Amino acid sequence: MSKTQKRLTGLAAVIILLSLSIAYLLQPSGQLRNFQQWQSQPLSGAAHDSKLTVKFFGVSTLLFDDGQEQILIDGFFSRPSLSQVLLQPIQSNSELIEQMIREQHLQRAKALLVTHSHYDHALDVAALGQRLPKLQIIGSGSTLNIARGGHVPEQQLVPVQPWKALQIGHFSITAIPSLHTPPTAVNNDLGQEIARPLPLPARFSEFKEGHSFDYLIEHHGCRILVKASTGAIANQFKNIRADVLFLGIAQLSRQTPGYQQRYVMQTLGTLKPEIVVPIHWDDFFQPLHQPLQFLPRAADNTARSMQILIDAAAKQKTQVVLLSQPVSYSLP
């Protein structure tokens, strides 16, 4: 074999190994079927008079509905593929947004509460605001600049006011300052803001975090706290009670044991909810018409993140409910 042939053979071997490694890292970091005992259970708990339901659309997109009004958290439905995100500017899928509005009756949605301004939480803010003229978009200045980039009227834009309760129908909503998941090599813009209107399409890196918020939602005696990211401010919840906690667990397994323990204690351990619902665990590069699956190995060991939460919840007898499809679940 000549030197040239040897080099080509060696290069081919490297390419094959690299391809296999990438394929491995993009596989789901665990199987949803291994957590069946926590899946698809109707939310239960203390009896309340409300008829409140919730639907989960992956990441931290949640639709709360009491039959009259709807409240939407992080309306992210478009879910562009990994190749789209890495190689080209991204934008909302107009046909999908219109389909979601029809199927989910989003004409009844009164408010869109945005936890922060990364694209997997805020990509569809403008598209929803354009099509739903009665929808209030509540978020940071960065979030509102995403809406402005899509020419959403100013009267629909509501700057978030931390700790000030906002009444919308039978919902009382309080924004609570929060922390994002610790930064990574491709997610190192924490605290940076979107300083001017952001028209779409735009690169994913233009969706700066801005500031992060949790949301306390009260409805006829039921208290729900939504925390999208795996970051918490110490003692932030010491005077708050929650019946149901929607808790972000993305990259929890990647943190140090000390961080994991503090995060669980500052959230689950402090709030002591009857029910905890893990969120931000799914591979958001997969479209909504496919079954949700765990984040890829390159991003997290989601099975481990899930188990950390399950173990902590068991110690304080909090029920874990894993929502794995966008169907209605009753809330207490």
Protein backbone atom coordinates (compact mmCIF):
# COMPACT_ATOMS: atom_id res chain seq x y z
CA MET A 1 0.00 0.00 0.00
CA SER A 2 1.41 3.41 -0.97
CA LYS A 3 1.80 6.31 1.46
CA THR A 4 -1.07 8.11 -0.26
CA GLN A 5 -3.32 5.08 0.12
CA LYS A 6 -2.37 4.78 3.79
CA ARG A 7 -3.19 8.45 4.39
CA LEU A 8 -6.55 8.07 2.66
CA THR A 9 -7.32 4.95 4.68
CA GLY A 10 -6.39 6.74 7.89
CA LEU A 11 -8.51 9.77 6.94
CA ALA A 12 -11.47 7.52 6.13
CA ALA A 13 -11.11 5.82 9.53
CA VAL A 14 -11.06 9.21 11.28
CA ILE A 15 -14.16 10.33 9.38
CA ILE A 16 -15.99 7.12 10.27
CA LEU A 17 -15.07 7.44 13.96
CA LEU A 18 -16.09 11.09 13.99
CA SER A 19 -19.41 10.28 12.31
CA LEU A 20 -20.11 7.48 14.80
CA SER A 21 -19.25 9.78 17.72
CA ILE A 22 -21.56 12.52 16.48
CA ALA A 23 -24.35 10.01 15.86
CA TYR A 24 -23.90 8.67 19.41
CA LEU A 25 -23.98 12.14 20.96
CA LEU A 26 -27.16 13.05 19.09
CA GLN A 27 -29.05 10.01 20.36
CA PRO A 28 -31.57 10.53 23.20
CA SER A 29 -29.94 10.42 26.62
CA GLY A 30 -32.30 7.77 27.90
CA GLN A 31 -35.67 6.27 27.08
CA LEU A 32 -38.99 7.76 28.09
CA ARG A 33 -40.47 4.28 28.42
CA ASN A 34 -38.23 3.69 31.47
CA PHE A 35 -40.27 6.33 33.32
CA GLN A 36 -43.73 5.02 32.47
CA GLN A 37 -44.88 4.83 36.07
CA TRP A 38 -44.72 8.61 36.29
CA GLN A 39 -46.26 9.32 32.87
CA SER A 40 -49.71 10.30 31.67
CA GLN A 41 -51.27 10.44 35.09
CA PRO A 42 -53.97 13.04 35.62
CA LEU A 43 -52.74 15.65 38.05
CA SER A 44 -54.37 15.10 41.41
CA GLY A 45 -54.15 16.68 44.79
CA ALA A 46 -56.15 18.76 47.22
CA ALA A 47 -59.68 19.42 46.01
CA HIS A 48 -60.39 22.88 44.62
CA ASP A 49 -63.39 24.33 42.87
CA SER A 50 -61.44 25.22 39.72
CA LYS A 51 -61.66 23.36 36.42
CA LEU A 52 -58.15 24.32 35.43
CA THR A 53 -56.25 22.21 32.90
CA VAL A 54 -52.75 22.32 31.47
CA LYS A 55 -51.18 21.13 28.22
CA PHE A 56 -47.43 20.60 27.78
CA PHE A 57 -45.86 21.24 24.38
CA GLY A 58 -42.26 20.49 25.26
CA VAL A 59 -39.45 22.63 26.72
CA SER A 60 -41.44 24.99 28.98
CA THR A 61 -44.39 25.76 26.73
CA LEU A 62 -47.47 25.32 28.89
CA LEU A 63 -51.09 26.24 28.17
CA PHE A 64 -53.30 26.83 31.21
CA ASP A 65 -57.03 26.88 30.48
CA ASP A 66 -59.99 27.36 32.81
CA GLY A 67 -62.60 27.12 30.06
CA GLN A 68 -62.87 30.89 29.75
CA GLU A 69 -59.36 32.33 29.52
CA GLN A 70 -56.02 30.81 28.65
CA ILE A 71 -52.55 31.68 29.91
CA LEU A 72 -49.56 30.61 27.84
CA ILE A 73 -46.02 30.15 29.12
CA ASP A 74 -43.21 30.41 26.53
CA GLY A 75 -45.12 29.85 23.31
CA PHE A 76 -42.45 27.87 21.45
CA PHE A 77 -44.07 25.60 18.88
CA SER A 78 -41.94 25.90 15.73
CA ARG A 79 -38.96 23.85 17.00
CA PRO A 80 -36.53 24.20 14.04
CA SER A 81 -34.18 21.26 13.47
CA LEU A 82 -30.58 21.20 14.69
CA SER A 83 -29.26 21.73 11.17
CA GLN A 84 -31.55 24.73 10.70
CA VAL A 85 -30.44 26.25 13.99
CA LEU A 86 -26.74 25.78 13.29
CA LEU A 87 -26.62 26.63 9.59
CA GLN A 88 -29.18 29.34 8.90
CA PRO A 89 -31.31 32.07 10.45
CA ILE A 90 -34.47 30.75 12.08
CA GLN A 91 -38.05 31.95 12.18
CA SER A 92 -41.53 30.87 13.17
CA ASN A 93 -43.33 28.23 11.17
CA SER A 94 -46.35 30.29 10.07
CA GLU A 95 -48.48 27.32 9.05
CA LEU A 96 -47.82 25.55 12.32
CA ILE A 97 -48.61 28.63 14.38
CA GLU A 98 -51.93 29.07 12.59
CA GLN A 99 -52.67 25.38 13.10
CA MET A 100 -51.93 25.66 16.84
CA ILE A 101 -54.17 28.71 17.12
CA ARG A 102 -57.05 26.80 15.54
CA GLU A 103 -56.55 23.48 17.34
CA GLN A 104 -55.84 24.94 20.79
CA HIS A 105 -58.43 27.74 20.52
CA LEU A 106 -55.77 30.30 21.32
CA GLN A 107 -58.16 33.13 20.54
CA ARG A 108 -59.02 32.74 24.23
CA ALA A 109 -55.38 33.27 25.27
CA LYS A 110 -55.09 36.47 27.29
CA ALA A 111 -51.42 36.49 28.20
CA LEU A 112 -48.12 35.02 27.03
CA LEU A 113 -45.64 34.92 29.92
CA VAL A 114 -42.08 34.59 28.67
CA THR A 115 -39.47 33.23 31.08
CA HIS A 116 -36.46 34.51 29.10
CA SER A 117 -35.48 35.38 25.55
CA HIS A 118 -33.54 32.40 24.21
CA TYR A 119 -35.09 31.14 21.00
CA ASP A 120 -36.40 27.90 22.54
CA HIS A 121 -38.60 30.05 24.75
CA ALA A 122 -39.31 33.11 22.62
CA LEU A 123 -39.05 32.26 18.91
CA ASP A 124 -42.82 32.38 18.37
CA VAL A 125 -43.55 35.46 20.48
CA ALA A 126 -43.99 37.78 17.50
CA ALA A 127 -45.93 35.28 15.38
CA LEU A 128 -48.42 34.72 18.20
CA GLY A 129 -48.73 38.43 18.97
CA GLN A 130 -49.35 39.26 15.29
CA ARG A 131 -52.21 36.76 15.01
CA LEU A 132 -53.78 37.24 18.44
CA PRO A 133 -54.56 40.95 18.90
CA LYS A 134 -55.98 40.42 22.41
CA LEU A 135 -52.85 38.62 23.62
CA GLN A 136 -50.70 40.49 26.15
CA ILE A 137 -47.00 39.61 25.84
CA ILE A 138 -45.38 39.87 29.25
CA GLY A 139 -41.61 39.68 29.53
CA SER A 140 -38.28 41.46 29.76
CA GLY A 141 -37.17 44.28 27.48
CA SER A 142 -35.37 41.68 25.38
CA THR A 143 -38.56 39.66 24.94
CA LEU A 144 -40.54 42.75 23.98
CA ASN A 145 -37.92 43.62 21.38
CA ILE A 146 -38.50 40.23 19.76
CA ALA A 147 -42.19 41.14 19.54
CA ARG A 148 -41.34 44.60 18.19
CA GLY A 149 -39.22 42.96 15.49
CA GLY A 150 -42.46 41.39 14.25
CA HIS A 151 -44.36 44.70 14.50
CA VAL A 152 -46.61 43.57 17.33
CA PRO A 153 -48.55 46.67 18.48
CA GLU A 154 -47.15 48.38 21.58
CA GLN A 155 -50.47 48.11 23.41
CA GLN A 156 -49.97 44.33 23.52
CA LEU A 157 -46.51 44.59 25.13
CA VAL A 158 -46.29 44.55 28.92
CA PRO A 159 -42.90 44.99 30.63
CA VAL A 160 -42.55 42.44 33.38
CA GLN A 161 -42.88 43.92 36.88
CA PRO A 162 -41.30 41.56 39.43
CA TRP A 163 -43.33 40.76 42.54
CA LYS A 164 -46.35 42.78 41.38
CA ALA A 165 -49.45 40.62 40.95
CA LEU A 166 -51.25 40.99 37.63
CA GLN A 167 -54.91 40.00 37.43
CA ILE A 168 -56.08 38.43 34.16
CA GLY A 169 -59.58 36.98 34.39
CA HIS A 170 -59.52 34.47 37.24
CA PHE A 171 -55.72 34.23 37.05
CA SER A 172 -53.40 36.17 39.33
CA ILE A 173 -49.84 36.16 37.99
CA THR A 174 -46.66 37.21 39.77
CA ALA A 175 -43.28 37.34 38.05
CA ILE A 176 -40.34 36.33 40.23
CA PRO A 177 -36.71 37.16 39.27
CA SER A 178 -34.75 33.99 38.58
CA LEU A 179 -31.47 32.57 37.30
CA HIS A 180 -30.81 30.70 34.08
CA THR A 181 -29.11 27.32 33.92
CA PRO A 182 -25.30 27.79 34.21
CA PRO A 183 -23.70 28.79 30.89
CA THR A 184 -22.18 26.43 28.35
CA ALA A 185 -19.86 27.01 25.40
CA VAL A 186 -22.83 27.69 23.09
CA ASN A 187 -25.00 29.34 25.73
CA ASN A 188 -22.75 31.96 27.29
CA ASP A 189 -24.83 35.12 26.85
CA LEU A 190 -26.44 35.15 30.28
CA GLY A 191 -27.47 38.65 31.29
CA GLN A 192 -26.96 40.04 27.79
CA GLU A 193 -29.93 41.87 26.31
CA ILE A 194 -31.59 42.31 22.94
CA ALA A 195 -31.20 46.06 22.74
CA ARG A 196 -33.32 46.79 19.65
CA PRO A 197 -36.21 45.20 17.75
CA LEU A 198 -35.20 41.79 16.40
CA PRO A 199 -36.82 40.96 13.04
CA LEU A 200 -36.98 37.34 11.94
CA PRO A 201 -35.37 35.33 10.52
CA ALA A 202 -32.39 35.73 12.87
CA ARG A 203 -29.48 33.61 14.04
CA PHE A 204 -30.14 31.65 17.23
CA SER A 205 -27.24 33.51 18.86
CA GLU A 206 -29.14 36.79 18.48
CA PHE A 207 -31.74 35.57 20.99
CA LYS A 208 -29.93 36.80 24.11
CA GLU A 209 -31.15 35.60 27.48
CA GLY A 210 -32.02 39.06 28.76
CA HIS A 211 -33.28 38.28 32.25
CA SER A 212 -34.98 35.15 33.57
CA PHE A 213 -38.24 34.96 35.47
CA ASP A 214 -40.34 32.35 37.20
CA TYR A 215 -44.10 32.78 37.32
CA LEU A 216 -46.46 32.16 40.22
CA ILE A 217 -49.97 31.56 38.89
CA GLU A 218 -52.92 31.57 41.29
CA HIS A 219 -56.35 30.39 40.23
CA HIS A 220 -59.28 29.82 42.63
CA GLY A 221 -57.00 28.73 45.47
CA CYS A 222 -54.64 26.62 43.34
CA ARG A 223 -51.07 27.95 43.39
CA ILE A 224 -48.77 26.95 40.53
CA LEU A 225 -45.14 27.91 40.13
CA VAL A 226 -43.40 27.61 36.76
CA LYS A 227 -39.59 27.56 36.77
CA ALA A 228 -38.26 26.98 33.25
CA SER A 229 -34.51 26.99 33.85
CA THR A 230 -32.24 24.98 36.12
CA GLY A 231 -31.10 27.94 38.16
CA ALA A 232 -32.42 29.38 41.43
CA ILE A 233 -31.77 32.39 43.66
CA ALA A 234 -31.15 31.39 47.27
CA ASN A 235 -34.12 31.94 49.62
CA GLN A 236 -36.27 33.29 46.79
CA PHE A 237 -39.16 30.98 47.62
CA LYS A 238 -38.96 30.92 51.42
CA ASN A 239 -42.28 32.78 51.84
CA ILE A 240 -44.08 31.17 48.90
CA ARG A 241 -46.39 28.17 48.85
CA ALA A 242 -47.12 26.15 45.72
CA ASP A 243 -49.49 23.24 45.16
CA VAL A 244 -47.93 22.36 41.79
CA LEU A 245 -44.37 23.04 40.69
CA PHE A 246 -43.34 22.89 37.02
CA LEU A 247 -39.59 22.49 37.40
CA GLY A 248 -36.94 22.82 34.72
CA ILE A 249 -34.30 20.08 34.84
CA ALA A 250 -32.28 20.71 31.67
CA GLN A 251 -28.59 19.88 32.25
CA LEU A 252 -29.14 19.14 35.93
CA SER A 253 -27.02 16.02 35.56
CA ARG A 254 -24.15 18.15 34.19
CA GLN A 255 -23.85 20.21 37.37
CA THR A 256 -21.78 19.37 40.42
CA PRO A 257 -23.40 17.30 43.19
CA GLY A 258 -23.38 20.39 45.38
CA TYR A 259 -25.22 22.42 42.76
CA GLN A 260 -27.76 19.64 42.25
CA GLN A 261 -28.45 19.45 45.96
CA ARG A 262 -28.82 23.22 46.34
CA TYR A 263 -31.08 23.52 43.31
CA VAL A 264 -33.44 20.80 44.49
CA MET A 265 -33.50 22.17 48.03
CA GLN A 266 -34.09 25.79 46.93
CA THR A 267 -37.02 24.76 44.73
CA LEU A 268 -38.68 21.46 45.56
CA GLY A 269 -37.46 21.37 49.15
CA THR A 270 -38.54 24.92 49.93
CA LEU A 271 -41.88 25.00 48.12
CA LYS A 272 -42.89 21.47 49.16
CA PRO A 273 -45.59 21.12 46.49
CA GLU A 274 -48.06 18.28 46.36
CA ILE A 275 -47.04 17.69 42.73
CA VAL A 276 -43.87 18.38 40.77
CA VAL A 277 -43.86 18.26 36.96
CA PRO A 278 -40.44 18.14 35.25
CA ILE A 279 -40.12 20.41 32.22
CA HIS A 280 -37.36 21.36 29.77
CA TRP A 281 -36.21 17.74 29.41
CA ASP A 282 -37.13 17.06 25.79
CA ASP A 283 -35.16 17.33 22.54
CA PHE A 284 -36.54 20.58 21.13
CA PHE A 285 -34.92 19.98 17.73
CA GLN A 286 -37.64 17.40 17.09
CA PRO A 287 -40.96 18.64 15.68
CA LEU A 288 -44.12 18.58 17.75
CA HIS A 289 -45.84 16.01 15.51
CA GLN A 290 -43.30 13.42 16.71
CA PRO A 291 -43.36 11.93 20.21
CA LEU A 292 -41.28 13.85 22.73
CA GLN A 293 -37.94 12.30 23.56
CA PHE A 294 -35.12 13.10 25.95
CA LEU A 295 -32.45 15.66 25.19
CA PRO A 296 -29.52 14.21 23.22
CA ARG A 297 -26.45 12.89 25.02
CA ALA A 298 -24.48 15.93 23.86
CA ALA A 299 -26.76 18.17 25.94
CA ASP A 300 -27.61 16.18 29.06
CA ASN A 301 -28.01 12.83 30.71
CA THR A 302 -31.74 13.38 30.98
CA ALA A 303 -32.46 10.04 32.60
CA ARG A 304 -30.06 11.01 35.39
CA SER A 305 -31.58 14.51 35.69
CA MET A 306 -35.02 12.94 35.93
CA GLN A 307 -33.88 10.46 38.58
CA ILE A 308 -32.35 13.22 40.72
CA LEU A 309 -35.77 14.89 40.84
CA ILE A 310 -37.66 11.65 41.43
CA ASP A 311 -35.41 10.68 44.33
CA ALA A 312 -35.71 14.10 45.96
CA ALA A 313 -39.49 14.14 45.55
CA ALA A 314 -39.83 10.69 47.09
CA LYS A 315 -38.02 11.83 50.25
CA GLN A 316 -40.64 14.50 50.92
CA LYS A 317 -43.59 12.54 49.50
CA THR A 318 -44.21 14.87 46.57
CA GLN A 319 -45.91 13.24 43.59
CA VAL A 320 -43.95 13.34 40.32
CA VAL A 321 -46.03 13.63 37.15
CA LEU A 322 -44.31 13.40 33.78
CA LEU A 323 -46.32 14.98 30.96
CA SER A 324 -45.15 13.42 27.72
CA GLN A 325 -47.76 14.51 25.19
CA PRO A 326 -49.79 17.69 24.51
CA VAL A 327 -53.11 16.62 26.00
CA SER A 328 -55.15 18.19 28.78
CA TYR A 329 -54.39 17.33 32.38
CA SER A 330 -56.56 18.47 35.26
CA LEU A 331 -54.94 20.61 37.93
CA PRO A 332 -55.99 20.59 41.55
